[in-house]
Amino acid sequence: MSRTSAILAILIAIVTTVACDRSHDGKLDPSYESQLVDLVTYTGVDDDNHATFRLEGIDDKPHVDLFTTVAAPQRVAKNSRVLLYYAINHKATDNSYWNIDARSLVRIISDSIRVNRNPIDTYSMSPIKLKSAWRTGEFINLYGQVEHTGKNRLIYMMIDGETRGNDTVQAYLVHDLLNTPADSIFYWRDFYISVNVGVLKSPSEPCRTIRLHMNNIAAPHSTYQDFNIK
């Protein structure tokens, strides 16, 4: 992911609507009572140019392929992670794929794990408020809040290259406000980030645990979170 992409990725409030959410009389569709929300991978289109997604299982549980009847979303690259609002129309008997009604999706921060080029202490770790963190397959996912400034910023996950050969690899959530003045901070807003750590899950890598350090002011006495990946 380029620097420009990382800056733009934090602008996560842009919602791309992929289906109508109201009936003809203007009332909410009753089926919305069964609406689901998940972080999924956009996997492209099928032979009919319908959007397809993959729902990764928690930890290493099997994934589920999701098939829709909507066109490919705009400005979403294949293999990007997105927040998908949907309902299930039909499940395969072996639960390997679902036919779904995709209502809308939100672009989130979708990236791959990076390796530091400079000393770790030279990277900014501005505060976040972490609400939840979990792994699905090759992805580490974080949901929380950051201070909204209306300005560009950088946020990504990085490992300390010197620890890559260890059983526990040290990683850091870099959050750089790019010298945004303090009077530009208005309020806290939600963010999602999903990072592909598949390179560290490779059998050739000794890493079994990723220890992610962050400046989490929601739990100031807990400076890191461990993710078992093997």
C-alpha atoms as a PDB file:
ATOM      1  CA  MET A   1       0.000   0.000   0.000  1.00  0.00           C
ATOM      2  CA  SER A   2       1.458   3.375  -0.959  1.00  0.00           C
ATOM      3  CA  ARG A   3       1.822   6.346   1.393  1.00  0.00           C
ATOM      4  CA  THR A   4      -0.979   8.130  -0.480  1.00  0.00           C
ATOM      5  CA  SER A   5      -3.259   5.110  -0.172  1.00  0.00           C
ATOM      6  CA  ALA A   6      -2.554   4.852   3.538  1.00  0.00           C
ATOM      7  CA  ILE A   7      -3.435   8.520   4.025  1.00  0.00           C
ATOM      8  CA  LEU A   8      -6.654   8.207   2.069  1.00  0.00           C
ATOM      9  CA  ALA A   9      -7.621   4.959   3.728  1.00  0.00           C
ATOM     10  CA  ILE A  10      -8.315   6.663   7.049  1.00  0.00           C
ATOM     11  CA  LEU A  11     -11.188   8.542   5.439  1.00  0.00           C
ATOM     12  CA  ILE A  12     -13.431   5.605   6.244  1.00  0.00           C
ATOM     13  CA  ALA A  13     -16.792   7.312   6.489  1.00  0.00           C
ATOM     14  CA  ILE A  14     -17.392   7.089   2.733  1.00  0.00           C
ATOM     15  CA  VAL A  15     -20.174   4.562   2.269  1.00  0.00           C
ATOM     16  CA  THR A  16     -20.685   2.873  -1.093  1.00  0.00           C
ATOM     17  CA  THR A  17     -24.286   1.761  -1.454  1.00  0.00           C
ATOM     18  CA  VAL A  18     -24.655  -1.493  -3.354  1.00  0.00           C
ATOM     19  CA  ALA A  19     -28.395  -2.084  -2.929  1.00  0.00           C
ATOM     20  CA  CYS A  20     -31.567  -0.206  -2.068  1.00  0.00           C
ATOM     21  CA  ASP A  21     -32.486  -0.237   1.619  1.00  0.00           C
ATOM     22  CA  ARG A  22     -36.116   0.853   1.418  1.00  0.00           C
ATOM     23  CA  SER A  23     -39.315  -0.525  -0.056  1.00  0.00           C
ATOM     24  CA  HIS A  24     -41.402   1.410  -2.579  1.00  0.00           C
ATOM     25  CA  ASP A  25     -43.509   3.040   0.133  1.00  0.00           C
ATOM     26  CA  GLY A  26     -40.437   4.528   1.777  1.00  0.00           C
ATOM     27  CA  LYS A  27     -40.523   2.285   4.834  1.00  0.00           C
ATOM     28  CA  LEU A  28     -37.586   0.202   5.954  1.00  0.00           C
ATOM     29  CA  ASP A  29     -37.575  -3.336   4.624  1.00  0.00           C
ATOM     30  CA  PRO A  30     -38.630  -5.680   7.496  1.00  0.00           C
ATOM     31  CA  SER A  31     -35.855  -8.088   6.505  1.00  0.00           C
ATOM     32  CA  TYR A  32     -33.376  -5.604   7.939  1.00  0.00           C
ATOM     33  CA  GLU A  33     -34.096  -7.154  11.310  1.00  0.00           C
ATOM     34  CA  SER A  34     -31.839 -10.033  10.202  1.00  0.00           C
ATOM     35  CA  GLN A  35     -29.093  -7.863   8.739  1.00  0.00           C
ATOM     36  CA  LEU A  36     -25.507  -8.924   9.466  1.00  0.00           C
ATOM     37  CA  VAL A  37     -22.322  -6.845   9.532  1.00  0.00           C
ATOM     38  CA  ASP A  38     -18.899  -8.405   8.952  1.00  0.00           C
ATOM     39  CA  LEU A  39     -15.399  -7.557   7.825  1.00  0.00           C
ATOM     40  CA  VAL A  40     -14.944  -9.463   4.565  1.00  0.00           C
ATOM     41  CA  THR A  41     -12.577  -9.638   1.589  1.00  0.00           C
ATOM     42  CA  TYR A  42     -13.822  -8.379  -1.759  1.00  0.00           C
ATOM     43  CA  THR A  43     -12.795 -11.168  -4.155  1.00  0.00           C
ATOM     44  CA  GLY A  44     -13.953  -9.689  -7.474  1.00  0.00           C
ATOM     45  CA  VAL A  45     -16.846 -10.723  -9.694  1.00  0.00           C
ATOM     46  CA  ASP A  46     -18.318 -13.990 -10.941  1.00  0.00           C
ATOM     47  CA  ASP A  47     -19.130 -14.919 -14.555  1.00  0.00           C
ATOM     48  CA  ASP A  48     -22.227 -12.688 -14.423  1.00  0.00           C
ATOM     49  CA  ASN A  49     -20.234  -9.688 -13.163  1.00  0.00           C
ATOM     50  CA  HIS A  50     -21.777  -9.981  -9.700  1.00  0.00           C
ATOM     51  CA  ALA A  51     -19.694  -8.982  -6.698  1.00  0.00           C
ATOM     52  CA  THR A  52     -18.253 -11.796  -4.575  1.00  0.00           C
ATOM     53  CA  PHE A  53     -16.782 -11.725  -1.080  1.00  0.00           C
ATOM     54  CA  ARG A  54     -15.055 -14.070   1.358  1.00  0.00           C
ATOM     55  CA  LEU A  55     -15.955 -14.227   5.042  1.00  0.00           C
ATOM     56  CA  GLU A  56     -12.906 -15.438   6.946  1.00  0.00           C
ATOM     57  CA  GLY A  57     -13.514 -17.712   9.935  1.00  0.00           C
ATOM     58  CA  ILE A  58     -12.466 -16.632  13.423  1.00  0.00           C
ATOM     59  CA  ASP A  59      -8.840 -17.645  14.028  1.00  0.00           C
ATOM     60  CA  ASP A  60      -8.348 -20.566  11.600  1.00  0.00           C
ATOM     61  CA  LYS A  61     -11.921 -21.733  11.112  1.00  0.00           C
ATOM     62  CA  PRO A  62     -12.995 -22.311   7.472  1.00  0.00           C
ATOM     63  CA  HIS A  63     -13.998 -19.338   5.355  1.00  0.00           C
ATOM     64  CA  VAL A  64     -17.328 -18.893   3.578  1.00  0.00           C
ATOM     65  CA  ASP A  65     -17.680 -17.589   0.014  1.00  0.00           C
ATOM     66  CA  LEU A  66     -20.421 -14.969  -0.382  1.00  0.00           C
ATOM     67  CA  PHE A  67     -22.219 -14.519  -3.695  1.00  0.00           C
ATOM     68  CA  THR A  68     -24.457 -11.572  -4.544  1.00  0.00           C
ATOM     69  CA  THR A  69     -26.542 -10.287  -7.433  1.00  0.00           C
ATOM     70  CA  VAL A  70     -25.151  -6.741  -7.289  1.00  0.00           C
ATOM     71  CA  ALA A  71     -22.586  -5.220  -9.619  1.00  0.00           C
ATOM     72  CA  ALA A  72     -18.960  -4.761  -8.625  1.00  0.00           C
ATOM     73  CA  PRO A  73     -18.543  -1.906  -6.115  1.00  0.00           C
ATOM     74  CA  GLN A  74     -16.902   1.255  -7.362  1.00  0.00           C
ATOM     75  CA  ARG A  75     -13.426   2.309  -6.168  1.00  0.00           C
ATOM     76  CA  VAL A  76     -12.819  -0.945  -4.304  1.00  0.00           C
ATOM     77  CA  ALA A  77      -9.776  -2.967  -5.368  1.00  0.00           C
ATOM     78  CA  LYS A  78      -9.891  -6.739  -5.551  1.00  0.00           C
ATOM     79  CA  ASN A  79      -8.684  -8.396  -2.301  1.00  0.00           C
ATOM     80  CA  SER A  80      -9.453  -5.265  -0.281  1.00  0.00           C
ATOM     81  CA  ARG A  81     -11.074  -5.670   3.095  1.00  0.00           C
ATOM     82  CA  VAL A  82     -14.457  -3.973   3.553  1.00  0.00           C
ATOM     83  CA  LEU A  83     -17.229  -3.732   6.127  1.00  0.00           C
ATOM     84  CA  LEU A  84     -20.240  -5.443   4.559  1.00  0.00           C
ATOM     85  CA  TYR A  85     -23.893  -5.102   5.581  1.00  0.00           C
ATOM     86  CA  TYR A  86     -25.899  -8.051   4.271  1.00  0.00           C
ATOM     87  CA  ALA A  87     -28.587 -10.688   4.827  1.00  0.00           C
ATOM     88  CA  ILE A  88     -28.355 -14.374   3.962  1.00  0.00           C
ATOM     89  CA  ASN A  89     -30.731 -15.623   1.277  1.00  0.00           C
ATOM     90  CA  HIS A  90     -29.486 -19.210   1.122  1.00  0.00           C
ATOM     91  CA  LYS A  91     -26.740 -21.359   2.661  1.00  0.00           C
ATOM     92  CA  ALA A  92     -25.102 -24.285   0.901  1.00  0.00           C
ATOM     93  CA  THR A  93     -25.660 -27.617   2.633  1.00  0.00           C
ATOM     94  CA  ASP A  94     -21.960 -27.827   3.513  1.00  0.00           C
ATOM     95  CA  ASN A  95     -21.945 -24.152   4.605  1.00  0.00           C
ATOM     96  CA  SER A  96     -19.092 -23.401   2.204  1.00  0.00           C
ATOM     97  CA  TYR A  97     -20.946 -20.621   0.382  1.00  0.00           C
ATOM     98  CA  TRP A  98     -23.902 -18.347   0.976  1.00  0.00           C
ATOM     99  CA  ASN A  99     -26.118 -16.498  -1.459  1.00  0.00           C
ATOM    100  CA  ILE A 100     -26.562 -13.076   0.135  1.00  0.00           C
ATOM    101  CA  ASP A 101     -28.428  -9.818  -0.269  1.00  0.00           C
ATOM    102  CA  ALA A 102     -25.654  -7.198  -0.073  1.00  0.00           C
ATOM    103  CA  ARG A 103     -27.092  -3.934   1.260  1.00  0.00           C
ATOM    104  CA  SER A 104     -24.067  -1.656   1.545  1.00  0.00           C
ATOM    105  CA  LEU A 105     -20.363  -1.649   2.209  1.00  0.00           C
ATOM    106  CA  VAL A 106     -17.877   0.699   3.819  1.00  0.00           C
ATOM    107  CA  ARG A 107     -14.280   0.982   2.709  1.00  0.00           C
ATOM    108  CA  ILE A 108     -11.895   0.564   5.638  1.00  0.00           C
ATOM    109  CA  ILE A 109      -8.134   0.646   6.156  1.00  0.00           C
ATOM    110  CA  SER A 110      -6.982  -2.463   4.282  1.00  0.00           C
ATOM    111  CA  ASP A 111      -3.256  -3.157   4.284  1.00  0.00           C
ATOM    112  CA  SER A 112      -0.498  -5.750   4.630  1.00  0.00           C
ATOM    113  CA  ILE A 113       1.949  -5.972   7.519  1.00  0.00           C
ATOM    114  CA  ARG A 114       4.994  -3.740   7.036  1.00  0.00           C
ATOM    115  CA  VAL A 115       8.586  -3.869   8.303  1.00  0.00           C
ATOM    116  CA  ASN A 116      10.323  -0.850   9.842  1.00  0.00           C
ATOM    117  CA  ARG A 117      12.977   1.006   7.866  1.00  0.00           C
ATOM    118  CA  ASN A 118      13.978   3.303  10.727  1.00  0.00           C
ATOM    119  CA  PRO A 119      14.458   2.804  14.491  1.00  0.00           C
ATOM    120  CA  ILE A 120      11.166   1.887  16.159  1.00  0.00           C
ATOM    121  CA  ASP A 121      11.204   4.887  18.501  1.00  0.00           C
ATOM    122  CA  THR A 122      11.151   7.303  15.539  1.00  0.00           C
ATOM    123  CA  TYR A 123       7.618   6.275  14.547  1.00  0.00           C
ATOM    124  CA  SER A 124       4.579   8.119  15.864  1.00  0.00           C
ATOM    125  CA  MET A 125       2.022   6.270  17.996  1.00  0.00           C
ATOM    126  CA  SER A 126      -0.753   8.798  18.545  1.00  0.00           C
ATOM    127  CA  PRO A 127      -3.546   7.594  20.833  1.00  0.00           C
ATOM    128  CA  ILE A 128      -6.455   5.376  19.856  1.00  0.00           C
ATOM    129  CA  LYS A 129      -9.390   3.975  21.817  1.00  0.00           C
ATOM    130  CA  LEU A 130      -9.451   0.261  21.045  1.00  0.00           C
ATOM    131  CA  LYS A 131     -12.860  -1.395  21.279  1.00  0.00           C
ATOM    132  CA  SER A 132     -12.086  -4.878  19.922  1.00  0.00           C
ATOM    133  CA  ALA A 133      -9.324  -6.858  18.215  1.00  0.00           C
ATOM    134  CA  TRP A 134      -9.459 -10.284  16.616  1.00  0.00           C
ATOM    135  CA  ARG A 135      -7.860 -12.494  13.977  1.00  0.00           C
ATOM    136  CA  THR A 136      -9.661 -14.090  11.041  1.00  0.00           C
ATOM    137  CA  GLY A 137      -7.412 -16.321   8.948  1.00  0.00           C
ATOM    138  CA  GLU A 138      -4.510 -14.217   7.700  1.00  0.00           C
ATOM    139  CA  PHE A 139      -5.999 -10.939   8.923  1.00  0.00           C
ATOM    140  CA  ILE A 140      -5.630  -9.061  12.189  1.00  0.00           C
ATOM    141  CA  ASN A 141      -8.608  -6.754  12.642  1.00  0.00           C
ATOM    142  CA  LEU A 142      -8.966  -3.748  14.936  1.00  0.00           C
ATOM    143  CA  TYR A 143     -12.050  -1.678  15.701  1.00  0.00           C
ATOM    144  CA  GLY A 144     -11.841   1.492  17.752  1.00  0.00           C
ATOM    145  CA  GLN A 145     -11.821   5.261  17.660  1.00  0.00           C
ATOM    146  CA  VAL A 146      -9.343   7.932  16.624  1.00  0.00           C
ATOM    147  CA  GLU A 147      -9.449  11.680  17.040  1.00  0.00           C
ATOM    148  CA  HIS A 148     -11.112  13.245  14.027  1.00  0.00           C
ATOM    149  CA  THR A 149      -9.183  16.171  12.578  1.00  0.00           C
ATOM    150  CA  GLY A 150     -10.378  16.512   8.993  1.00  0.00           C
ATOM    151  CA  LYS A 151      -6.686  16.308   8.047  1.00  0.00           C
ATOM    152  CA  ASN A 152      -4.548  13.604   6.460  1.00  0.00           C
ATOM    153  CA  ARG A 153      -2.894  11.002   8.694  1.00  0.00           C
ATOM    154  CA  LEU A 154      -1.098   7.661   8.510  1.00  0.00           C
ATOM    155  CA  ILE A 155      -2.201   4.507  10.306  1.00  0.00           C
ATOM    156  CA  TYR A 156      -0.741   1.069   9.668  1.00  0.00           C
ATOM    157  CA  MET A 157       0.733  -2.008  11.369  1.00  0.00           C
ATOM    158  CA  MET A 158       4.494  -2.594  11.325  1.00  0.00           C
ATOM    159  CA  ILE A 159       6.801  -5.271  12.709  1.00  0.00           C
ATOM    160  CA  ASP A 160      10.258  -4.754  14.151  1.00  0.00           C
ATOM    161  CA  GLY A 161      12.434  -6.511  11.588  1.00  0.00           C
ATOM    162  CA  GLU A 162      14.980  -7.427  14.250  1.00  0.00           C
ATOM    163  CA  THR A 163      12.404  -9.680  15.930  1.00  0.00           C
ATOM    164  CA  ARG A 164      11.199 -11.425  12.792  1.00  0.00           C
ATOM    165  CA  GLY A 165      13.241 -14.544  13.554  1.00  0.00           C
ATOM    166  CA  ASN A 166      11.701 -14.898  17.018  1.00  0.00           C
ATOM    167  CA  ASP A 167       8.840 -17.024  18.261  1.00  0.00           C
ATOM    168  CA  THR A 168       7.089 -13.771  19.248  1.00  0.00           C
ATOM    169  CA  VAL A 169       7.378 -10.948  16.733  1.00  0.00           C
ATOM    170  CA  GLN A 170       7.046  -7.393  18.064  1.00  0.00           C
ATOM    171  CA  ALA A 171       4.617  -5.264  16.046  1.00  0.00           C
ATOM    172  CA  TYR A 172       3.424  -1.666  16.395  1.00  0.00           C
ATOM    173  CA  LEU A 173       0.334   0.267  15.394  1.00  0.00           C
ATOM    174  CA  VAL A 174       1.804   3.376  13.801  1.00  0.00           C
ATOM    175  CA  HIS A 175      -0.584   6.328  14.022  1.00  0.00           C
ATOM    176  CA  ASP A 176       0.892   9.559  12.706  1.00  0.00           C
ATOM    177  CA  LEU A 177      -1.215  12.740  12.696  1.00  0.00           C
ATOM    178  CA  LEU A 178       1.379  14.378  10.420  1.00  0.00           C
ATOM    179  CA  ASN A 179       1.915  17.411  12.653  1.00  0.00           C
ATOM    180  CA  THR A 180      -1.784  18.278  12.787  1.00  0.00           C
ATOM    181  CA  PRO A 181      -2.230  21.220  15.211  1.00  0.00           C
ATOM    182  CA  ALA A 182      -3.951  20.385  18.489  1.00  0.00           C
ATOM    183  CA  ASP A 183      -6.736  22.880  17.758  1.00  0.00           C
ATOM    184  CA  SER A 184      -7.671  20.826  14.671  1.00  0.00           C
ATOM    185  CA  ILE A 185      -8.813  17.872  16.797  1.00  0.00           C
ATOM    186  CA  PHE A 186     -12.599  17.915  17.034  1.00  0.00           C
ATOM    187  CA  TYR A 187     -13.993  14.603  18.343  1.00  0.00           C
ATOM    188  CA  TRP A 188     -13.479  10.836  18.354  1.00  0.00           C
ATOM    189  CA  ARG A 189     -14.686   8.779  15.399  1.00  0.00           C
ATOM    190  CA  ASP A 190     -14.823   5.074  14.602  1.00  0.00           C
ATOM    191  CA  PHE A 191     -12.214   3.302  12.524  1.00  0.00           C
ATOM    192  CA  TYR A 192     -11.562  -0.243  11.286  1.00  0.00           C
ATOM    193  CA  ILE A 193      -8.233  -1.591  10.108  1.00  0.00           C
ATOM    194  CA  SER A 194      -7.628  -5.066   8.708  1.00  0.00           C
ATOM    195  CA  VAL A 195      -4.038  -6.142   8.081  1.00  0.00           C
ATOM    196  CA  ASN A 196      -2.858  -9.209   6.169  1.00  0.00           C
ATOM    197  CA  VAL A 197      -0.193 -11.000   8.220  1.00  0.00           C
ATOM    198  CA  GLY A 198      -0.095 -14.075   5.994  1.00  0.00           C
ATOM    199  CA  VAL A 199       3.641 -13.672   5.377  1.00  0.00           C
ATOM    200  CA  LEU A 200       4.245 -14.444   9.072  1.00  0.00           C
ATOM    201  CA  LYS A 201       1.899 -17.452   9.018  1.00  0.00           C
ATOM    202  CA  SER A 202       4.067 -19.135   6.396  1.00  0.00           C
ATOM    203  CA  PRO A 203       5.548 -22.483   7.541  1.00  0.00           C
ATOM    204  CA  SER A 204       8.993 -21.048   6.792  1.00  0.00           C
ATOM    205  CA  GLU A 205       8.521 -18.316   9.418  1.00  0.00           C
ATOM    206  CA  PRO A 206       9.272 -19.148  13.088  1.00  0.00           C
ATOM    207  CA  CYS A 207       6.710 -16.626  14.353  1.00  0.00           C
ATOM    208  CA  ARG A 208       3.891 -18.108  16.438  1.00  0.00           C
ATOM    209  CA  THR A 209       2.679 -14.932  18.146  1.00  0.00           C
ATOM    210  CA  ILE A 210       2.389 -11.317  17.008  1.00  0.00           C
ATOM    211  CA  ARG A 211       2.605  -8.904  19.940  1.00  0.00           C
ATOM    212  CA  LEU A 212       0.986  -5.670  18.805  1.00  0.00           C
ATOM    213  CA  HIS A 213       2.008  -2.557  20.746  1.00  0.00           C
ATOM    214  CA  MET A 214      -0.265   0.470  20.620  1.00  0.00           C
ATOM    215  CA  ASN A 215      -1.074   3.682  22.453  1.00  0.00           C
ATOM    216  CA  ASN A 216      -4.508   2.595  23.648  1.00  0.00           C
ATOM    217  CA  ILE A 217      -5.856   5.195  26.074  1.00  0.00           C
ATOM    218  CA  ALA A 218      -8.984   3.099  26.602  1.00  0.00           C
ATOM    219  CA  ALA A 219      -6.762   0.701  28.564  1.00  0.00           C
ATOM    220  CA  PRO A 220      -3.590   2.640  29.493  1.00  0.00           C
ATOM    221  CA  HIS A 221      -2.172  -0.202  31.608  1.00  0.00           C
ATOM    222  CA  SER A 222      -2.375  -2.655  28.694  1.00  0.00           C
ATOM    223  CA  THR A 223       0.220  -1.561  26.161  1.00  0.00           C
ATOM    224  CA  TYR A 224       0.030  -4.541  23.825  1.00  0.00           C
ATOM    225  CA  GLN A 225      -2.172  -7.365  22.615  1.00  0.00           C
ATOM    226  CA  ASP A 226      -1.021 -10.839  21.541  1.00  0.00           C
ATOM    227  CA  PHE A 227      -2.348 -12.681  18.501  1.00  0.00           C
ATOM    228  CA  ASN A 228      -1.538 -16.361  18.127  1.00  0.00           C
ATOM    229  CA  ILE A 229      -1.122 -17.139  14.429  1.00  0.00           C
ATOM    230  CA  LYS A 230      -0.030 -20.804  14.459  1.00  0.00           C
END
